Amino acid sequence: MRKNEYKSLEEFTSQYVGEWWPTREHWLGLDFSYHGTEYRLHTWSMYNKENTVLPDGRVAMFGIYKKIEGSSDVHPDYELLGEYADMHDLLESRVIERTPFAEVIMDDDTVLLGQD
């Protein structure tokens, strides 16, 4: 049985474009669970005032974080797994179980926990 609410990769990519505009279904953050572990996709920097400049000189637009076990559900703590300058790099990322993020986000068992 499919748990994931995304029906296509395009549905996901159209929601994370670098702006927050809920009436257009544009979001900055996504909390999700994959194989029983909670993660967060965040647009721009989640903890720092300035966005990260990657080694190739591009600015990081996306970060993938893993929720730290035992942290509060009200104010959870996260460990940064990787940062990416664009959607292509994000989708190719393998920081979650060495699986391309495109496969993780579309996996039948991925559960979307919340968007903001």
C-alpha atoms as a PDB file:
ATOM      1  CA  MET A   1       0.000   0.000   0.000  1.00  0.00           C
ATOM      2  CA  ARG A   2       1.351   3.391  -1.003  1.00  0.00           C
ATOM      3  CA  LYS A   3       1.844   5.838   1.899  1.00  0.00           C
ATOM      4  CA  ASN A   4       3.518   8.632  -0.069  1.00  0.00           C
ATOM      5  CA  GLU A   5       1.255  11.495  -1.115  1.00  0.00           C
ATOM      6  CA  TYR A   6       3.399  12.577  -4.087  1.00  0.00           C
ATOM      7  CA  LYS A   7       2.130  11.190  -7.364  1.00  0.00           C
ATOM      8  CA  SER A   8       5.009  12.498  -9.498  1.00  0.00           C
ATOM      9  CA  LEU A   9       8.478  13.957  -9.118  1.00  0.00           C
ATOM     10  CA  GLU A  10       7.228  17.091 -10.897  1.00  0.00           C
ATOM     11  CA  GLU A  11       4.638  17.570  -8.139  1.00  0.00           C
ATOM     12  CA  PHE A  12       7.452  17.624  -5.581  1.00  0.00           C
ATOM     13  CA  THR A  13       9.812  19.869  -7.585  1.00  0.00           C
ATOM     14  CA  SER A  14       7.072  22.416  -8.306  1.00  0.00           C
ATOM     15  CA  GLN A  15       6.584  22.960  -4.562  1.00  0.00           C
ATOM     16  CA  TYR A  16      10.216  23.793  -3.717  1.00  0.00           C
ATOM     17  CA  VAL A  17      11.263  26.738  -5.865  1.00  0.00           C
ATOM     18  CA  GLY A  18      12.937  28.993  -3.299  1.00  0.00           C
ATOM     19  CA  GLU A  19       9.936  31.021  -2.188  1.00  0.00           C
ATOM     20  CA  TRP A  20       7.280  30.616   0.467  1.00  0.00           C
ATOM     21  CA  TRP A  21       3.831  31.099  -1.043  1.00  0.00           C
ATOM     22  CA  PRO A  22       1.384  28.567   0.423  1.00  0.00           C
ATOM     23  CA  THR A  23      -1.553  29.631  -1.768  1.00  0.00           C
ATOM     24  CA  ARG A  24       0.546  28.511  -4.757  1.00  0.00           C
ATOM     25  CA  GLU A  25       1.751  25.413  -2.887  1.00  0.00           C
ATOM     26  CA  HIS A  26       5.309  26.751  -2.629  1.00  0.00           C
ATOM     27  CA  TRP A  27       6.996  25.690   0.588  1.00  0.00           C
ATOM     28  CA  LEU A  28      10.361  26.163   2.292  1.00  0.00           C
ATOM     29  CA  GLY A  29      10.420  23.037   4.432  1.00  0.00           C
ATOM     30  CA  LEU A  30       9.274  19.419   4.315  1.00  0.00           C
ATOM     31  CA  ASP A  31       9.342  16.962   7.197  1.00  0.00           C
ATOM     32  CA  PHE A  32       9.205  13.324   6.116  1.00  0.00           C
ATOM     33  CA  SER A  33       9.929   9.824   7.314  1.00  0.00           C
ATOM     34  CA  TYR A  34      11.863   7.239   5.310  1.00  0.00           C
ATOM     35  CA  HIS A  35      12.360   3.714   6.622  1.00  0.00           C
ATOM     36  CA  GLY A  36      11.389   4.857  10.119  1.00  0.00           C
ATOM     37  CA  THR A  37      13.838   7.780  10.325  1.00  0.00           C
ATOM     38  CA  GLU A  38      12.669  11.397  10.249  1.00  0.00           C
ATOM     39  CA  TYR A  39      14.288  13.918   7.907  1.00  0.00           C
ATOM     40  CA  ARG A  40      13.776  17.497   6.860  1.00  0.00           C
ATOM     41  CA  LEU A  41      14.295  19.171   3.529  1.00  0.00           C
ATOM     42  CA  HIS A  42      14.836  22.885   4.060  1.00  0.00           C
ATOM     43  CA  THR A  43      15.159  25.667   1.504  1.00  0.00           C
ATOM     44  CA  TRP A  44      17.950  28.141   2.233  1.00  0.00           C
ATOM     45  CA  SER A  45      19.809  27.980   5.547  1.00  0.00           C
ATOM     46  CA  MET A  46      17.938  26.504   8.481  1.00  0.00           C
ATOM     47  CA  TYR A  47      20.313  27.534  11.275  1.00  0.00           C
ATOM     48  CA  ASN A  48      22.565  30.282   9.889  1.00  0.00           C
ATOM     49  CA  LYS A  49      21.772  33.873   8.929  1.00  0.00           C
ATOM     50  CA  GLU A  50      23.778  33.513   5.726  1.00  0.00           C
ATOM     51  CA  ASN A  51      23.398  30.786   3.133  1.00  0.00           C
ATOM     52  CA  THR A  52      26.316  28.430   2.653  1.00  0.00           C
ATOM     53  CA  VAL A  53      28.634  29.078  -0.259  1.00  0.00           C
ATOM     54  CA  LEU A  54      29.579  25.686  -1.638  1.00  0.00           C
ATOM     55  CA  PRO A  55      33.168  24.827  -2.671  1.00  0.00           C
ATOM     56  CA  ASP A  56      32.302  25.493  -6.335  1.00  0.00           C
ATOM     57  CA  GLY A  57      31.160  29.054  -5.463  1.00  0.00           C
ATOM     58  CA  ARG A  58      27.427  28.440  -5.807  1.00  0.00           C
ATOM     59  CA  VAL A  59      25.036  29.267  -2.967  1.00  0.00           C
ATOM     60  CA  ALA A  60      23.261  26.367  -1.274  1.00  0.00           C
ATOM     61  CA  MET A  61      19.523  26.520  -1.863  1.00  0.00           C
ATOM     62  CA  PHE A  62      18.550  23.186  -0.265  1.00  0.00           C
ATOM     63  CA  GLY A  63      19.645  21.236   2.780  1.00  0.00           C
ATOM     64  CA  ILE A  64      18.780  17.716   3.877  1.00  0.00           C
ATOM     65  CA  TYR A  65      18.735  17.143   7.620  1.00  0.00           C
ATOM     66  CA  LYS A  66      18.242  14.096   9.818  1.00  0.00           C
ATOM     67  CA  LYS A  67      16.229  14.518  13.010  1.00  0.00           C
ATOM     68  CA  ILE A  68      18.340  13.770  16.068  1.00  0.00           C
ATOM     69  CA  GLU A  69      16.806  10.926  18.046  1.00  0.00           C
ATOM     70  CA  GLY A  70      15.412  11.988  21.392  1.00  0.00           C
ATOM     71  CA  SER A  71      15.057  15.654  20.431  1.00  0.00           C
ATOM     72  CA  SER A  72      11.839  17.450  21.233  1.00  0.00           C
ATOM     73  CA  ASP A  73       8.899  17.122  18.855  1.00  0.00           C
ATOM     74  CA  VAL A  74       8.049  20.768  19.568  1.00  0.00           C
ATOM     75  CA  HIS A  75      11.559  22.089  18.779  1.00  0.00           C
ATOM     76  CA  PRO A  76      13.441  19.203  17.169  1.00  0.00           C
ATOM     77  CA  ASP A  77      17.180  19.261  16.556  1.00  0.00           C
ATOM     78  CA  TYR A  78      18.611  18.198  13.218  1.00  0.00           C
ATOM     79  CA  GLU A  79      21.961  17.092  11.844  1.00  0.00           C
ATOM     80  CA  LEU A  80      22.895  18.495   8.437  1.00  0.00           C
ATOM     81  CA  LEU A  81      23.536  15.695   5.929  1.00  0.00           C
ATOM     82  CA  GLY A  82      24.131  17.752   2.782  1.00  0.00           C
ATOM     83  CA  GLU A  83      23.530  21.060   0.990  1.00  0.00           C
ATOM     84  CA  TYR A  84      22.813  21.641  -2.687  1.00  0.00           C
ATOM     85  CA  ALA A  85      22.710  24.609  -5.034  1.00  0.00           C
ATOM     86  CA  ASP A  86      19.868  23.436  -7.239  1.00  0.00           C
ATOM     87  CA  MET A  87      17.104  20.877  -7.615  1.00  0.00           C
ATOM     88  CA  HIS A  88      19.174  18.647  -9.914  1.00  0.00           C
ATOM     89  CA  ASP A  89      21.936  18.293  -7.316  1.00  0.00           C
ATOM     90  CA  LEU A  90      19.347  17.697  -4.581  1.00  0.00           C
ATOM     91  CA  LEU A  91      17.620  14.931  -6.541  1.00  0.00           C
ATOM     92  CA  GLU A  92      20.973  13.231  -7.267  1.00  0.00           C
ATOM     93  CA  SER A  93      22.075  13.420  -3.616  1.00  0.00           C
ATOM     94  CA  ARG A  94      22.769  10.098  -1.888  1.00  0.00           C
ATOM     95  CA  VAL A  95      23.045  11.193   1.770  1.00  0.00           C
ATOM     96  CA  ILE A  96      20.039   9.087   2.835  1.00  0.00           C
ATOM     97  CA  GLU A  97      20.952   5.400   2.817  1.00  0.00           C
ATOM     98  CA  ARG A  98      23.116   5.971  -0.308  1.00  0.00           C
ATOM     99  CA  THR A  99      19.893   6.219  -2.319  1.00  0.00           C
ATOM    100  CA  PRO A 100      19.253   9.066  -4.787  1.00  0.00           C
ATOM    101  CA  PHE A 101      16.971  11.618  -3.139  1.00  0.00           C
ATOM    102  CA  ALA A 102      14.664  11.426  -6.170  1.00  0.00           C
ATOM    103  CA  GLU A 103      13.997   7.782  -5.240  1.00  0.00           C
ATOM    104  CA  VAL A 104      13.667   8.536  -1.519  1.00  0.00           C
ATOM    105  CA  ILE A 105      11.088  11.280  -2.018  1.00  0.00           C
ATOM    106  CA  MET A 106       9.029   9.135  -4.409  1.00  0.00           C
ATOM    107  CA  ASP A 107       9.318   5.839  -2.499  1.00  0.00           C
ATOM    108  CA  ASP A 108       5.927   4.284  -1.697  1.00  0.00           C
ATOM    109  CA  ASP A 109       6.854   4.081   1.990  1.00  0.00           C
ATOM    110  CA  THR A 110       8.008   7.698   2.382  1.00  0.00           C
ATOM    111  CA  VAL A 111       5.572   9.496   4.690  1.00  0.00           C
ATOM    112  CA  LEU A 112       5.102  13.251   4.414  1.00  0.00           C
ATOM    113  CA  LEU A 113       4.822  14.592   7.957  1.00  0.00           C
ATOM    114  CA  GLY A 114       4.385  18.311   7.297  1.00  0.00           C
ATOM    115  CA  GLN A 115       5.208  21.263   5.083  1.00  0.00           C
ATOM    116  CA  ASP A 116       5.905  24.858   6.035  1.00  0.00           C
END
